[in-house]
Amino acid sequence: SRHPPQVPTLLSIWVPLSSSIPDEWSRVGPVGPSEQLELTFALRQQGVDLLGETLRRVSDPDSPQYAKYLRLEEVSSLVRPSDLTQKVVRRWLQSHGVSACLSVLTRDFLQCTMPAQVAEALLPGARFHRYVRDGRSQVRSSAPYSVHDEVHQHLDFVGGLHRLPPRGQDVASHGRNRHPKPGLHLGVTPAILRARYNLTASDVGSSQNNSQAVAQFLEQYYHAADLAEFMSMFGGSFPHLSLVDRVVGTQGAGRAGLEASLDVEYIMSTGANIPTWVFTNPGRHESQEPFLQWMVLISNMSALPWVHTVSYGDDEDSLSNAYMTRINTEFMKAGVRGISLLFASGDSGAGCRHLTKEENCFRPSFPASSPYVTTVGGTSFKNPFKMTYEVTDYISGGGFSNVFKTPDYQASAVKAYMQTVGGGLPPLTYFNTSGRAYPDLAALSDNYWVVSNRMPVPWVSGTSASTPVVGGMLALINDRRLLKGLPPLGFLNPRLYKLQGEAMFDVTEGCHLSCLDETVQGRGFCAAPSWDPVTGWGTPNYPALLAALLDQ
């Protein structure tokens, strides 16, 4: 670990807890002093505690304020940085000759372009280099940075310095050495999903005010021709749309990404007939962070889809607490507006972090571990080629945050799991018993059919499959709510946990993977009756869940 010097006039904002540059990225060399960079400055917000309390009230079905959401302008007035903060940060930037900055409605982000030598003078310690992986180039600093004492209290972090895109969560992998047998189903398709979760041909969208969205990073693009082919092959039994309603960002040329194809095809076949947006975030510049770009967009667009699904994550220990805390605030801003954010739980089970040669612990993923999103795990059919009951998919991400405490809405569920499993828990040195536990629910994540680059591809697996399926079902429930004159679901977790497993297919078999060591021998947590940190509350029984969520 590398830590900045403790000097009185500087305060470090972002300290990598592990190597800030993943091994698969190769450093090419320093960038030229005049090369233009784009950095994102996250200004310290006001009213964050009140924002959290507002989210609690509008998300709790027992609250008189339930579903009384705020408009973006109201959110802006709640969290906008103080005039002093805005002045100090702008004066600091201008004193270094930085004036090419774009702000946002909420005034809590500034996106500024500047030469590399100016950025390094502005942020002592930063040294920008170019890194490449798989033919893709990024500009980052491998060293911690600092800001002057008079400025640090007005900033949460500066984006565009350290985080290089991970390889995803090993999502959308295919080929698990399974071979179909004659007379049995040959993988998961929309028809299989609709049958398993009890959606009928009439369970499709019809509201004029509804939409859903997926977000793509890591230069993942979908192809319209693939979507049309997929719906032609697999969408014949239910009304559907074959075109994406809106693309936000720039769709790159070249081959379609398997994950992008998966996300779009399955949110649009589960949330059938509902207009769908695709946020595609390659980043306009090598120094941009695509996830942060998406977050800034979501936080500042006045008209947005009600449901967003995202298959993206990083190890918690690779991120600064300041960064994650600020991203949580952005999630809260979405929640108080009635927006549902769903994140894949990851495909590494409980994960594994090697602390020393002899000592390991589990490795939670963020944003899956955020208390302010709904996290989706994965299941498999007990018999992979029959529509049997579901068991744990061994890759399903889950566990306990090392940073965020157990939120009130899930405290009793987590306590009940601990008591039920008791001696069957992994050693307590491997996880934080008081952390936010995830996932919240799950869906099938194994053996999907996808059309990508005009070719049907079998055996695609990962929680990036289960997440858009759950997102599509929530979008259908929103559709019915809107037709009934009710507001959308918004942040689902407080209401989901109050259902206590009602309307869900409980998953009680199987464990997910973890550290391959003498102590746990590759086994993480195991499924159990009611909630568990492998499949959450289980998988949705759509008509029962619709009925449970349509009464207020």
Protein backbone atom coordinates (compact mmCIF):
# COMPACT_ATOMS: atom_id res chain seq x y z
CA SER A 1 0.00 0.00 0.00
CA ARG A 2 1.18 3.49 -0.77
CA HIS A 3 0.28 6.40 1.48
CA PRO A 4 0.87 10.12 0.88
CA PRO A 5 3.16 12.08 3.14
CA GLN A 6 1.37 13.70 6.05
CA VAL A 7 2.16 17.35 5.51
CA PRO A 8 0.21 20.15 7.18
CA THR A 9 -0.69 22.19 4.10
CA LEU A 10 -1.96 19.29 1.98
CA LEU A 11 -4.67 16.72 2.50
CA SER A 12 -4.90 13.56 0.44
CA ILE A 13 -8.34 12.90 -1.00
CA TRP A 14 -7.85 9.51 -2.67
CA VAL A 15 -5.44 6.88 -1.42
CA PRO A 16 -5.42 3.54 -3.24
CA LEU A 17 -5.67 0.73 -0.68
CA SER A 18 -4.27 -1.72 -3.19
CA SER A 19 -2.40 -1.13 -6.43
CA SER A 20 -4.38 1.54 -8.24
CA ILE A 21 -3.40 0.21 -11.66
CA PRO A 22 -4.56 -3.37 -12.33
CA ASP A 23 -1.86 -5.71 -13.62
CA GLU A 24 -3.54 -6.26 -16.97
CA TRP A 25 -2.98 -2.59 -17.91
CA SER A 26 0.49 -1.84 -19.33
CA ARG A 27 2.10 1.55 -18.82
CA VAL A 28 3.27 3.04 -22.10
CA GLY A 29 4.85 6.23 -20.79
CA PRO A 30 4.13 9.70 -19.43
CA VAL A 31 1.73 11.96 -21.29
CA GLY A 32 3.07 15.15 -22.83
CA PRO A 33 2.85 18.30 -20.68
CA SER A 34 0.48 19.98 -23.15
CA GLU A 35 -1.80 16.97 -23.62
CA GLN A 36 -5.38 17.83 -22.66
CA LEU A 37 -7.03 15.92 -19.79
CA GLU A 38 -10.60 16.03 -18.54
CA LEU A 39 -11.10 15.80 -14.78
CA THR A 40 -14.31 15.73 -12.74
CA PHE A 41 -14.41 17.68 -9.48
CA ALA A 42 -17.03 16.49 -6.99
CA LEU A 43 -17.91 19.54 -4.88
CA ARG A 44 -18.95 18.98 -1.26
CA GLN A 45 -22.74 18.98 -1.02
CA GLN A 46 -25.10 20.42 1.55
CA GLY A 47 -28.13 18.68 3.03
CA VAL A 48 -26.86 15.10 2.67
CA ASP A 49 -28.36 14.03 6.01
CA LEU A 50 -31.72 15.54 5.06
CA LEU A 51 -31.48 13.81 1.67
CA GLY A 52 -31.02 10.45 3.44
CA GLU A 53 -33.97 11.11 5.72
CA THR A 54 -36.11 12.14 2.75
CA LEU A 55 -35.18 8.90 0.95
CA ARG A 56 -36.18 6.89 4.02
CA ARG A 57 -39.58 8.59 4.16
CA VAL A 58 -40.45 8.29 0.45
CA SER A 59 -39.28 4.63 0.32
CA ASP A 60 -40.98 3.32 3.49
CA PRO A 61 -44.53 2.09 2.74
CA ASP A 62 -45.50 2.85 6.36
CA SER A 63 -44.52 6.51 6.03
CA PRO A 64 -47.12 9.22 5.23
CA GLN A 65 -44.57 10.54 2.71
CA TYR A 66 -44.31 7.21 0.87
CA ALA A 67 -43.78 7.67 -2.91
CA LYS A 68 -44.07 11.47 -2.64
CA TYR A 69 -41.01 11.99 -4.78
CA LEU A 70 -39.01 15.15 -5.44
CA ARG A 71 -38.42 16.86 -8.75
CA LEU A 72 -34.82 17.35 -9.86
CA GLU A 73 -35.04 21.07 -9.05
CA GLU A 74 -36.08 20.21 -5.48
CA VAL A 75 -33.18 17.75 -5.15
CA SER A 76 -30.86 20.44 -6.49
CA SER A 77 -31.97 22.99 -3.91
CA LEU A 78 -31.45 20.38 -1.19
CA VAL A 79 -27.87 19.32 -2.01
CA ARG A 80 -26.40 22.24 -3.98
CA PRO A 81 -22.94 23.16 -2.62
CA SER A 82 -22.74 26.36 -0.64
CA ASP A 83 -21.84 29.59 -2.42
CA LEU A 84 -18.56 29.55 -0.50
CA THR A 85 -17.70 26.05 -1.76
CA GLN A 86 -18.46 27.01 -5.35
CA LYS A 87 -16.38 30.20 -5.08
CA VAL A 88 -13.38 28.54 -3.40
CA VAL A 89 -13.18 25.71 -5.94
CA ARG A 90 -13.64 27.97 -8.96
CA ARG A 91 -11.08 30.47 -7.64
CA TRP A 92 -8.61 27.64 -7.04
CA LEU A 93 -9.09 26.35 -10.59
CA GLN A 94 -8.85 29.82 -12.10
CA SER A 95 -5.64 30.54 -10.17
CA HIS A 96 -4.09 27.68 -12.15
CA GLY A 97 -5.51 28.97 -15.43
CA VAL A 98 -8.33 26.39 -15.57
CA SER A 99 -11.45 28.00 -17.01
CA ALA A 100 -12.82 25.42 -19.49
CA CYS A 101 -15.31 23.88 -17.08
CA LEU A 102 -18.84 22.58 -17.48
CA SER A 103 -21.18 22.55 -14.50
CA VAL A 104 -24.46 20.73 -13.94
CA LEU A 105 -27.90 21.70 -12.68
CA THR A 106 -27.14 20.64 -9.11
CA ARG A 107 -23.81 22.54 -9.17
CA ASP A 108 -22.10 19.64 -7.38
CA PHE A 109 -19.88 18.50 -10.26
CA LEU A 110 -17.45 20.45 -12.43
CA GLN A 111 -15.95 18.81 -15.51
CA CYS A 112 -12.83 20.68 -16.60
CA THR A 113 -10.26 20.27 -19.37
CA MET A 114 -6.65 21.32 -18.85
CA PRO A 115 -3.10 20.41 -19.96
CA ALA A 116 -1.43 17.57 -18.06
CA GLN A 117 1.21 19.89 -16.56
CA VAL A 118 -1.55 22.11 -15.13
CA ALA A 119 -3.35 19.07 -13.68
CA GLU A 120 -0.13 17.92 -11.99
CA ALA A 121 0.45 21.39 -10.51
CA LEU A 122 -3.17 21.57 -9.38
CA LEU A 123 -3.02 18.14 -7.68
CA PRO A 124 0.42 17.67 -6.06
CA GLY A 125 1.58 14.08 -6.28
CA ALA A 126 -0.31 13.24 -9.47
CA ARG A 127 1.78 11.97 -12.40
CA PHE A 128 -0.16 11.11 -15.54
CA HIS A 129 0.80 8.17 -17.75
CA ARG A 130 -0.85 6.36 -20.63
CA TYR A 131 -1.93 2.77 -20.04
CA VAL A 132 -3.12 0.24 -22.63
CA ARG A 133 -5.10 -3.01 -22.49
CA ASP A 134 -6.54 -4.96 -25.40
CA GLY A 135 -5.75 -2.08 -27.76
CA ARG A 136 -7.59 0.42 -25.57
CA SER A 137 -5.78 3.46 -24.18
CA GLN A 138 -6.45 5.33 -20.92
CA VAL A 139 -4.68 8.19 -19.14
CA ARG A 140 -4.36 7.92 -15.35
CA SER A 141 -2.07 8.76 -12.44
CA SER A 142 -0.72 5.82 -10.44
CA ALA A 143 0.27 8.01 -7.50
CA PRO A 144 -1.93 9.50 -4.76
CA TYR A 145 -2.79 13.15 -5.17
CA SER A 146 -3.36 15.95 -2.68
CA VAL A 147 -5.10 19.30 -2.68
CA HIS A 148 -4.32 22.40 -0.68
CA ASP A 149 -5.77 22.63 2.79
CA GLU A 150 -8.06 25.56 1.96
CA VAL A 151 -9.70 23.53 -0.83
CA HIS A 152 -9.95 20.01 0.58
CA GLN A 153 -12.98 20.73 2.78
CA HIS A 154 -14.90 21.78 -0.33
CA LEU A 155 -14.18 18.65 -2.42
CA ASP A 156 -15.23 15.00 -2.07
CA PHE A 157 -12.85 13.69 -4.74
CA VAL A 158 -11.40 14.37 -8.18
CA GLY A 159 -12.38 11.85 -10.87
CA GLY A 160 -10.18 10.89 -13.82
CA LEU A 161 -6.97 10.18 -11.92
CA HIS A 162 -6.89 6.66 -10.62
CA ARG A 163 -9.68 4.30 -11.56
CA LEU A 164 -9.05 2.21 -14.63
CA PRO A 165 -12.04 0.21 -15.88
CA PRO A 166 -12.06 -3.34 -14.52
CA ARG A 167 -12.68 -6.23 -16.88
CA GLY A 168 -16.26 -6.21 -15.68
CA GLN A 169 -17.37 -8.75 -13.12
CA ASP A 170 -16.55 -11.77 -15.28
CA VAL A 171 -20.12 -11.32 -16.42
CA ALA A 172 -21.48 -12.61 -19.68
CA SER A 173 -19.18 -15.60 -19.72
CA HIS A 174 -20.25 -18.59 -21.70
CA GLY A 175 -19.51 -22.27 -21.81
CA ARG A 176 -19.71 -24.11 -18.49
CA ASN A 177 -19.04 -27.57 -19.93
CA ARG A 178 -22.69 -28.53 -19.90
CA HIS A 179 -24.17 -30.59 -22.69
CA PRO A 180 -27.87 -30.71 -23.55
CA LYS A 181 -29.80 -33.98 -23.54
CA PRO A 182 -32.49 -34.82 -26.11
CA GLY A 183 -36.03 -33.73 -25.23
CA LEU A 184 -35.05 -31.20 -22.59
CA HIS A 185 -34.82 -27.41 -22.89
CA LEU A 186 -31.55 -26.20 -24.35
CA GLY A 187 -30.96 -23.06 -22.35
CA VAL A 188 -32.75 -20.01 -20.96
CA THR A 189 -34.82 -17.94 -23.39
CA PRO A 190 -37.58 -15.34 -22.85
CA ALA A 191 -40.19 -18.11 -23.04
CA ILE A 192 -38.43 -20.11 -20.30
CA LEU A 193 -38.15 -17.02 -18.07
CA ARG A 194 -41.78 -16.03 -18.60
CA ALA A 195 -42.91 -19.56 -17.76
CA ARG A 196 -40.71 -19.89 -14.68
CA TYR A 197 -41.74 -16.51 -13.23
CA ASN A 198 -45.39 -16.83 -14.31
CA LEU A 199 -45.62 -13.97 -16.78
CA THR A 200 -48.40 -14.40 -19.33
CA ALA A 201 -48.51 -13.09 -22.90
CA SER A 202 -50.58 -10.16 -21.62
CA ASP A 203 -47.93 -9.15 -19.05
CA VAL A 204 -46.44 -6.44 -21.25
CA GLY A 205 -46.25 -2.66 -21.00
CA SER A 206 -48.94 -0.25 -22.17
CA SER A 207 -48.44 2.97 -20.16
CA GLN A 208 -47.46 6.09 -22.07
CA ASN A 209 -45.35 7.38 -19.17
CA ASN A 210 -43.12 4.38 -18.56
CA SER A 211 -39.61 3.48 -19.67
CA GLN A 212 -36.63 1.39 -18.58
CA ALA A 213 -32.89 1.61 -19.17
CA VAL A 214 -29.61 -0.29 -19.24
CA ALA A 215 -26.18 1.30 -18.86
CA GLN A 216 -23.11 0.10 -20.78
CA PHE A 217 -19.46 0.77 -20.00
CA LEU A 218 -16.11 -0.66 -21.10
CA GLU A 219 -16.83 0.03 -24.78
CA GLN A 220 -19.75 -2.40 -24.80
CA TYR A 221 -22.26 -1.70 -27.59
CA TYR A 222 -25.44 -3.38 -28.74
CA HIS A 223 -26.44 -3.73 -32.40
CA ALA A 224 -30.00 -2.94 -33.48
CA ALA A 225 -29.86 -5.83 -35.98
CA ASP A 226 -29.05 -8.26 -33.15
CA LEU A 227 -32.04 -7.07 -31.14
CA ALA A 228 -34.36 -7.45 -34.15
CA GLU A 229 -33.01 -10.96 -34.81
CA PHE A 230 -33.36 -11.92 -31.14
CA MET A 231 -36.99 -10.80 -31.02
CA SER A 232 -37.69 -12.61 -34.29
CA MET A 233 -36.28 -15.83 -32.84
CA PHE A 234 -37.53 -15.62 -29.24
CA GLY A 235 -40.28 -12.97 -29.00
CA GLY A 236 -43.08 -14.56 -31.00
CA SER A 237 -45.30 -15.45 -28.03
CA PHE A 238 -45.77 -11.96 -26.55
CA PRO A 239 -46.14 -8.35 -27.79
CA HIS A 240 -42.78 -6.59 -27.80
CA LEU A 241 -40.72 -3.77 -29.22
CA SER A 242 -37.77 -4.48 -31.51
CA LEU A 243 -36.14 -1.06 -31.41
CA VAL A 244 -34.42 0.81 -28.59
CA ASP A 245 -36.30 4.04 -27.90
CA ARG A 246 -33.27 6.23 -27.13
CA VAL A 247 -29.50 5.94 -27.00
CA VAL A 248 -27.80 8.39 -24.62
CA GLY A 249 -24.15 8.73 -25.54
CA THR A 250 -22.25 7.52 -28.57
CA GLN A 251 -22.70 4.03 -29.93
CA GLY A 252 -19.27 2.94 -31.11
CA ALA A 253 -18.62 1.14 -34.35
CA GLY A 254 -17.32 -2.39 -34.54
CA ARG A 255 -18.49 -5.64 -33.03
CA ALA A 256 -21.36 -5.88 -30.58
CA GLY A 257 -20.46 -6.70 -26.98
CA LEU A 258 -21.93 -9.90 -25.56
CA GLU A 259 -22.85 -8.18 -22.31
CA ALA A 260 -24.51 -5.22 -24.06
CA SER A 261 -26.50 -7.62 -26.26
CA LEU A 262 -27.55 -9.63 -23.20
CA ASP A 263 -28.69 -6.59 -21.21
CA VAL A 264 -30.75 -5.02 -23.98
CA GLU A 265 -32.32 -8.25 -25.23
CA TYR A 266 -33.44 -9.47 -21.81
CA ILE A 267 -34.72 -6.23 -20.31
CA MET A 268 -36.76 -5.74 -23.50
CA SER A 269 -38.12 -9.29 -23.56
CA THR A 270 -38.98 -9.36 -19.84
CA GLY A 271 -40.11 -5.73 -19.60
CA ALA A 272 -41.77 -6.33 -22.95
CA ASN A 273 -43.39 -3.50 -24.91
CA ILE A 274 -41.83 -0.89 -22.61
CA PRO A 275 -39.73 1.87 -24.26
CA THR A 276 -36.06 1.26 -23.45
CA TRP A 277 -33.10 3.60 -23.24
CA VAL A 278 -29.46 2.57 -23.57
CA PHE A 279 -26.83 4.68 -21.81
CA THR A 280 -23.56 4.02 -23.56
CA ASN A 281 -20.52 5.52 -21.89
CA PRO A 282 -17.22 4.98 -23.67
CA GLY A 283 -16.03 8.35 -22.33
CA ARG A 284 -15.31 11.23 -24.66
CA HIS A 285 -11.70 11.33 -23.54
CA GLU A 286 -9.04 8.90 -22.35
CA SER A 287 -9.00 10.53 -18.92
CA GLN A 288 -12.73 10.12 -18.31
CA GLU A 289 -14.23 7.48 -16.03
CA PRO A 290 -17.28 6.03 -17.80
CA PHE A 291 -19.16 5.02 -14.62
CA LEU A 292 -18.71 8.50 -13.17
CA GLN A 293 -19.90 10.04 -16.45
CA TRP A 294 -23.08 7.95 -16.25
CA MET A 295 -23.60 8.94 -12.63
CA VAL A 296 -23.28 12.65 -13.44
CA LEU A 297 -25.80 12.21 -16.27
CA ILE A 298 -28.30 10.36 -14.09
CA SER A 299 -27.99 13.00 -11.39
CA ASN A 300 -28.76 15.87 -13.74
CA MET A 301 -31.29 14.75 -16.37
CA SER A 302 -34.80 15.93 -15.50
CA ALA A 303 -36.63 13.23 -17.49
CA LEU A 304 -35.36 9.68 -16.99
CA PRO A 305 -36.61 6.09 -17.16
CA TRP A 306 -37.96 4.81 -13.86
CA VAL A 307 -35.83 1.62 -13.80
CA HIS A 308 -32.09 1.35 -14.57
CA THR A 309 -30.09 -1.88 -14.58
CA VAL A 310 -26.30 -1.91 -14.43
CA SER A 311 -23.85 -4.82 -14.68
CA TYR A 312 -20.70 -3.16 -13.39
CA GLY A 313 -18.62 -3.21 -10.24
CA ASP A 314 -15.25 -2.83 -8.54
CA ASP A 315 -13.77 -4.39 -5.44
CA GLU A 316 -14.63 -2.22 -2.44
CA ASP A 317 -11.02 -2.23 -1.30
CA SER A 318 -9.86 -0.72 -4.61
CA LEU A 319 -11.94 2.43 -4.04
CA SER A 320 -11.65 5.26 -1.55
CA ASN A 321 -14.32 5.67 1.09
CA ALA A 322 -14.75 9.27 -0.03
CA TYR A 323 -15.53 8.15 -3.57
CA MET A 324 -18.02 5.46 -2.53
CA THR A 325 -19.73 7.74 -0.01
CA ARG A 326 -20.24 10.38 -2.67
CA ILE A 327 -21.54 7.82 -5.19
CA ASN A 328 -24.00 6.70 -2.49
CA THR A 329 -25.24 10.29 -2.28
CA GLU A 330 -25.84 10.21 -6.04
CA PHE A 331 -27.82 6.98 -5.60
CA MET A 332 -29.90 8.70 -2.89
CA LYS A 333 -30.56 11.59 -5.27
CA ALA A 334 -31.99 9.10 -7.76
CA GLY A 335 -34.07 7.35 -5.11
CA VAL A 336 -35.81 10.47 -3.85
CA ARG A 337 -36.89 11.13 -7.46
CA GLY A 338 -38.60 7.72 -7.68
CA ILE A 339 -35.89 6.02 -9.76
CA SER A 340 -35.03 2.35 -9.16
CA LEU A 341 -31.35 1.44 -9.58
CA LEU A 342 -30.50 -2.27 -9.91
CA PHE A 343 -26.92 -3.54 -9.87
CA ALA A 344 -25.58 -7.01 -10.60
CA SER A 345 -24.07 -8.64 -7.51
CA GLY A 346 -21.01 -9.86 -9.43
CA ASP A 347 -19.78 -13.26 -10.56
CA SER A 348 -17.09 -14.06 -7.98
CA GLY A 349 -19.26 -15.42 -5.17
CA ALA A 350 -18.02 -14.00 -1.87
CA GLY A 351 -14.76 -12.97 -3.56
CA CYS A 352 -11.33 -13.37 -2.01
CA ARG A 353 -8.73 -10.89 -0.88
CA HIS A 354 -5.27 -12.10 0.07
CA LEU A 355 -4.19 -10.10 3.13
CA THR A 356 -0.98 -12.02 3.78
CA LYS A 357 0.46 -15.33 2.62
CA GLU A 358 -1.52 -17.11 5.32
CA GLU A 359 -4.53 -14.81 5.78
CA ASN A 360 -7.50 -14.25 3.45
CA CYS A 361 -10.88 -12.59 3.71
CA PHE A 362 -13.92 -12.24 1.48
CA ARG A 363 -13.99 -9.35 -0.99
CA PRO A 364 -17.23 -7.38 -1.36
CA SER A 365 -18.03 -5.48 -4.54
CA PHE A 366 -19.29 -1.91 -4.98
CA PRO A 367 -21.85 -0.62 -6.00
CA ALA A 368 -23.40 -4.02 -5.17
CA SER A 369 -22.67 -3.28 -1.49
CA SER A 370 -24.31 0.15 -1.54
CA PRO A 371 -27.26 0.44 0.88
CA TYR A 372 -29.06 2.63 -1.69
CA VAL A 373 -29.38 0.27 -4.67
CA THR A 374 -31.20 -3.02 -5.22
CA THR A 375 -28.64 -5.76 -5.84
CA VAL A 376 -29.48 -8.84 -7.92
CA GLY A 377 -27.84 -12.22 -7.47
CA GLY A 378 -28.03 -15.37 -9.59
CA THR A 379 -29.63 -18.82 -9.60
CA SER A 380 -29.59 -21.96 -11.73
CA PHE A 381 -32.22 -24.60 -12.36
CA LYS A 382 -31.64 -27.65 -10.16
CA ASN A 383 -31.55 -29.61 -13.41
CA PRO A 384 -29.95 -27.23 -15.92
CA PHE A 385 -32.07 -28.59 -18.78
CA LYS A 386 -35.45 -28.89 -17.06
CA MET A 387 -37.66 -26.15 -15.67
CA THR A 388 -37.22 -27.36 -12.11
CA TYR A 389 -36.93 -25.30 -8.94
CA GLU A 390 -33.94 -22.96 -8.57
CA VAL A 391 -30.77 -23.33 -6.56
CA THR A 392 -27.80 -21.05 -5.98
CA ASP A 393 -25.64 -20.27 -8.99
CA TYR A 394 -22.19 -20.80 -7.47
CA ILE A 395 -20.86 -17.58 -9.06
CA SER A 396 -23.61 -15.38 -7.54
CA GLY A 397 -21.94 -12.41 -5.85
CA GLY A 398 -22.89 -11.77 -2.24
CA GLY A 399 -21.65 -10.97 1.22
CA PHE A 400 -21.19 -8.08 3.61
CA SER A 401 -19.76 -4.63 3.04
CA ASN A 402 -16.56 -3.70 4.86
CA VAL A 403 -17.47 0.00 4.56
CA PHE A 404 -21.24 0.49 4.94
CA LYS A 405 -23.18 -0.65 7.99
CA THR A 406 -26.27 -2.83 7.87
CA PRO A 407 -29.17 -0.53 6.91
CA ASP A 408 -32.22 -0.57 9.18
CA TYR A 409 -34.47 -2.03 6.49
CA GLN A 410 -32.54 -5.33 6.42
CA ALA A 411 -31.32 -5.62 10.03
CA SER A 412 -33.92 -8.19 11.14
CA ALA A 413 -33.46 -10.30 7.97
CA VAL A 414 -29.69 -10.43 8.42
CA LYS A 415 -30.03 -11.25 12.11
CA ALA A 416 -32.43 -14.09 11.30
CA TYR A 417 -29.99 -15.52 8.73
CA MET A 418 -27.12 -15.45 11.22
CA GLN A 419 -29.24 -17.27 13.78
CA THR A 420 -30.55 -19.82 11.28
CA VAL A 421 -27.17 -20.74 9.83
CA GLY A 422 -25.25 -20.37 13.10
CA GLY A 423 -22.28 -22.73 13.05
CA GLY A 424 -22.55 -23.06 9.28
CA LEU A 425 -21.25 -19.54 8.76
CA PRO A 426 -17.73 -18.98 7.44
CA PRO A 427 -15.22 -17.87 10.11
CA LEU A 428 -16.03 -14.35 11.34
CA THR A 429 -12.53 -13.20 10.35
CA TYR A 430 -13.60 -13.52 6.70
CA PHE A 431 -16.44 -10.98 6.71
CA ASN A 432 -17.92 -7.99 8.51
CA THR A 433 -21.02 -9.14 10.38
CA SER A 434 -22.24 -5.54 10.79
CA GLY A 435 -21.94 -4.59 7.11
CA ARG A 436 -24.59 -3.96 4.47
CA ALA A 437 -25.51 -7.43 3.23
CA TYR A 438 -26.31 -8.26 -0.37
CA PRO A 439 -27.88 -9.33 -2.73
CA ASP A 440 -31.49 -8.33 -2.13
CA LEU A 441 -33.09 -10.77 -4.58
CA ALA A 442 -32.08 -12.92 -7.55
CA ALA A 443 -33.10 -14.49 -10.84
CA LEU A 444 -31.78 -17.13 -13.22
CA SER A 445 -28.23 -16.29 -14.30
CA ASP A 446 -27.16 -19.47 -16.08
CA ASN A 447 -27.23 -20.79 -19.67
CA TYR A 448 -28.87 -17.91 -21.57
CA TRP A 449 -29.29 -17.61 -25.32
CA VAL A 450 -28.13 -14.27 -26.74
CA VAL A 451 -27.91 -12.94 -30.29
CA SER A 452 -24.67 -11.03 -30.81
CA ASN A 453 -23.12 -10.00 -34.12
CA ARG A 454 -26.07 -11.71 -35.86
CA MET A 455 -25.21 -15.06 -34.33
CA PRO A 456 -27.20 -16.95 -31.67
CA VAL A 457 -24.80 -17.63 -28.79
CA PRO A 458 -25.72 -20.28 -26.15
CA TRP A 459 -24.65 -20.81 -22.53
CA VAL A 460 -24.18 -17.14 -21.63
CA SER A 461 -24.11 -16.81 -17.84
CA GLY A 462 -23.65 -14.20 -15.12
CA THR A 463 -25.57 -11.82 -12.89
CA SER A 464 -25.56 -9.44 -15.85
CA ALA A 465 -28.30 -11.80 -17.12
CA SER A 466 -30.40 -11.88 -13.94
CA THR A 467 -30.28 -8.11 -13.38
CA PRO A 468 -32.10 -6.94 -16.54
CA VAL A 469 -34.65 -9.74 -16.04
CA VAL A 470 -35.55 -8.41 -12.59
CA GLY A 471 -35.40 -4.85 -13.95
CA GLY A 472 -37.87 -5.74 -16.68
CA MET A 473 -40.30 -7.20 -14.13
CA LEU A 474 -40.09 -4.08 -11.95
CA ALA A 475 -40.70 -1.95 -15.05
CA LEU A 476 -43.84 -4.02 -15.74
CA ILE A 477 -45.02 -3.42 -12.17
CA ASN A 478 -44.35 0.31 -12.61
CA ASP A 479 -46.43 0.14 -15.78
CA ARG A 480 -49.42 -1.21 -13.90
CA ARG A 481 -48.92 1.29 -11.10
CA LEU A 482 -48.82 4.22 -13.53
CA LEU A 483 -51.99 2.98 -15.29
CA LYS A 484 -53.65 2.87 -11.87
CA GLY A 485 -52.59 6.45 -11.09
CA LEU A 486 -49.91 5.39 -8.58
CA PRO A 487 -46.32 6.66 -8.59
CA PRO A 488 -43.44 4.34 -9.59
CA LEU A 489 -41.75 2.03 -7.08
CA GLY A 490 -38.61 4.12 -6.58
CA PHE A 491 -36.01 2.67 -4.18
CA LEU A 492 -37.42 -0.81 -3.65
CA ASN A 493 -35.45 -2.23 -0.72
CA PRO A 494 -37.44 -0.94 2.29
CA ARG A 495 -40.67 -2.27 0.77
CA LEU A 496 -39.05 -5.50 -0.46
CA TYR A 497 -37.74 -6.36 3.01
CA LYS A 498 -41.13 -5.60 4.63
CA LEU A 499 -42.66 -8.26 2.36
CA GLN A 500 -40.40 -10.76 4.19
CA GLY A 501 -40.21 -13.11 1.23
CA GLU A 502 -43.88 -12.86 0.25
CA ALA A 503 -44.28 -13.20 -3.53
CA MET A 504 -40.81 -14.73 -3.94
CA PHE A 505 -39.62 -18.24 -4.76
CA ASP A 506 -37.30 -18.96 -1.83
CA VAL A 507 -33.94 -20.44 -2.82
CA THR A 508 -32.61 -22.67 -0.07
CA GLU A 509 -30.00 -24.90 -1.74
CA GLY A 510 -26.39 -24.31 -2.68
CA CYS A 511 -23.38 -22.23 -1.73
CA HIS A 512 -21.31 -19.78 -3.71
CA LEU A 513 -17.56 -19.77 -4.23
CA SER A 514 -14.90 -17.92 -2.23
CA CYS A 515 -11.24 -18.28 -1.19
CA LEU A 516 -9.46 -21.48 -2.17
CA ASP A 517 -7.62 -21.98 1.09
CA GLU A 518 -7.37 -24.54 3.87
CA THR A 519 -9.95 -22.78 6.05
CA VAL A 520 -12.98 -22.25 3.79
CA GLN A 521 -11.86 -24.47 0.86
CA GLY A 522 -13.58 -22.39 -1.78
CA ARG A 523 -16.96 -22.16 -0.05
CA GLY A 524 -18.51 -18.79 0.80
CA PHE A 525 -22.02 -18.35 2.14
CA CYS A 526 -24.87 -20.81 1.62
CA ALA A 527 -28.52 -20.32 0.81
CA ALA A 528 -31.05 -20.72 3.62
CA PRO A 529 -34.79 -20.24 4.19
CA SER A 530 -35.90 -16.59 3.82
CA TRP A 531 -33.17 -14.02 3.10
CA ASP A 532 -29.54 -15.06 2.58
CA PRO A 533 -26.37 -13.34 1.25
CA VAL A 534 -26.29 -15.53 -1.87
CA THR A 535 -29.74 -15.11 -3.47
CA GLY A 536 -31.36 -12.50 -1.20
CA TRP A 537 -35.09 -13.14 -0.78
CA GLY A 538 -35.08 -15.49 -3.77
CA THR A 539 -36.57 -15.03 -7.23
CA PRO A 540 -39.79 -13.20 -8.21
CA ASN A 541 -43.15 -14.91 -8.61
CA TYR A 542 -44.34 -12.13 -10.90
CA PRO A 543 -48.14 -12.16 -10.39
CA ALA A 544 -47.75 -12.39 -6.62
CA LEU A 545 -45.13 -9.63 -6.58
CA LEU A 546 -47.34 -7.45 -8.78
CA ALA A 547 -50.24 -7.91 -6.38
CA ALA A 548 -48.06 -7.15 -3.37
CA LEU A 549 -46.67 -3.94 -4.92
CA LEU A 550 -49.88 -2.61 -6.45
CA ASP A 551 -51.77 -1.69 -3.30
CA GLN A 552 -50.38 1.77 -2.49
